[in-house]
Protein backbone atom coordinates (compact mmCIF):
# COMPACT_ATOMS: atom_id res chain seq x y z
CA PRO A 1 1.18 -13.66 7.59
CA CYS A 2 1.69 -10.45 5.62
CA LEU A 3 -1.01 -11.65 2.87
CA VAL A 4 -3.64 -13.16 5.22
CA PRO A 5 -6.76 -11.88 4.17
CA THR A 6 -8.42 -9.43 6.12
CA ARG A 7 -12.18 -9.49 7.09
CA LEU A 8 -12.78 -6.84 4.54
CA GLN A 9 -11.20 -8.61 1.67
CA LEU A 10 -13.24 -11.78 2.47
CA GLU A 11 -16.48 -9.78 2.56
CA VAL A 12 -15.86 -7.24 -0.01
CA GLU A 13 -15.50 -8.23 -3.96
CA HIS A 14 -12.46 -6.57 -5.38
CA HIS A 15 -9.85 -6.60 -8.01
CA PRO A 16 -7.19 -9.18 -7.19
CA TYR A 17 -4.24 -6.50 -7.44
CA ILE A 18 -5.50 -5.51 -4.09
CA ASP A 19 -4.59 -8.81 -2.43
CA THR A 20 -1.15 -8.64 -3.57
CA ILE A 21 -0.53 -5.73 -1.19
CA PRO A 22 1.19 -7.16 1.70
CA ALA A 23 0.04 -4.48 4.46
CA GLY A 24 -3.43 -5.46 5.63
CA ALA A 25 -4.16 -1.74 6.68
CA VAL A 26 -3.53 -0.33 3.42
CA ARG A 27 -5.64 -3.11 1.88
CA ASP A 28 -8.45 -2.53 3.94
CA ARG A 29 -8.30 1.37 3.30
CA ILE A 30 -8.70 0.63 -0.15
CA LEU A 31 -11.16 -1.68 0.15
CA GLU A 32 -13.03 1.03 2.74
CA ALA A 33 -12.48 3.41 -0.21
CA LEU A 34 -14.64 1.25 -2.61
CA LEU A 35 -17.22 1.07 -0.23
CA ASN A 36 -17.56 4.68 -0.12
CA GLU A 37 -19.87 5.81 -3.00
CA ALA A 38 -19.31 9.49 -2.07
CA THR A 39 -15.78 9.61 -2.94
CA PRO A 40 -15.31 6.80 -5.66
CA LEU A 41 -11.77 5.66 -6.23
CA ASP A 42 -9.85 5.75 -9.63
CA GLN A 43 -8.50 1.98 -9.24
CA GLU A 44 -6.68 2.46 -12.80
CA GLU A 45 -4.97 5.49 -11.42
CA LEU A 46 -4.10 3.70 -8.31
CA CYS A 47 -2.43 0.81 -10.26
CA ARG A 48 -0.31 2.73 -12.43
CA ASP A 49 0.71 4.75 -9.29
CA ILE A 50 1.83 1.61 -7.68
CA GLU A 51 3.79 0.51 -10.41
CA ARG A 52 5.57 3.76 -10.61
CA GLY A 53 5.62 4.27 -6.97
CA LEU A 54 6.47 1.25 -5.55
CA ARG A 55 9.95 -0.46 -4.95
CA VAL A 56 10.36 -3.78 -3.55
CA TRP A 57 14.03 -4.72 -1.76
CA GLY A 58 15.14 -8.28 -1.13
CA LYS A 59 13.48 -11.91 -2.23
CA THR A 60 10.09 -11.92 -0.36
CA PRO A 61 8.04 -9.38 -2.17
CA TRP A 62 5.16 -10.72 0.06
CA ASP A 63 6.64 -9.15 3.05
CA GLU A 64 5.63 -5.60 3.83
CA ARG A 65 8.99 -4.88 5.17
CA CYS A 66 10.90 -5.26 1.68
CA TRP A 67 8.56 -2.57 0.06
CA GLU A 68 8.88 1.22 -0.18
CA TRP A 69 6.67 3.69 -1.50
CA SER A 70 7.99 6.82 -3.20
CA PRO A 71 7.46 10.00 -1.72
CA ALA A 72 5.31 11.17 -4.74
CA PHE A 73 3.31 8.18 -4.31
CA VAL A 74 2.55 8.70 -0.13
CA ASP A 75 1.61 12.32 -1.19
CA ASN A 76 -0.78 11.51 -3.74
CA TRP A 77 -2.36 8.61 -1.70
CA THR A 78 -1.51 9.99 1.92
CA TRP A 79 -5.12 8.38 3.06
CA LEU A 80 -3.73 4.95 2.38
CA PHE A 81 -0.95 5.43 5.07
CA ASP A 82 -0.62 5.50 8.76
CA ARG A 83 3.04 5.58 10.70
CA GLU A 84 2.92 1.83 11.05
CA SER A 85 2.51 1.55 7.11
CA LEU A 86 5.28 3.59 6.43
CA GLN A 87 7.79 2.04 8.59
CA ALA A 88 9.39 -0.14 5.95
CA THR A 89 9.59 2.86 3.67
CA ASN A 90 11.15 5.03 6.08
CA PHE A 91 13.95 2.14 6.79
CA TRP A 92 15.04 2.10 3.54
CA ARG A 93 15.15 5.87 2.87
CA VAL A 94 17.16 6.15 6.26
CA HIS A 95 19.25 3.41 5.19
CA ARG A 96 20.13 5.48 2.15
CA GLY A 97 20.93 8.54 4.22
CA GLU A 98 17.55 10.29 3.22
CA ALA A 99 14.72 11.71 5.26
CA ALA A 100 11.79 9.84 6.59
CA ILE A 101 8.65 10.68 5.11
């Protein structure tokens, strides 16, 4: 269910990397940014930051509960997240004895 396309994914032409993010709310925020011509989204920068700022735990990478975003990524891309989107990240951080974001 995490990778079921959202309405925006079905309506907005986009690069396939967006479809691999298991959090539908995050995918939609990226797509909304792509539609906002006033503030263009640098997708190359976003992809590079995802490569550096993402850790996937376990054997089910399509499950957003396995995803942990680095603090630097969250700081750079704060507008992508809400409390629910950071639940998995904070689970893994607290599990290691670190502070939640």
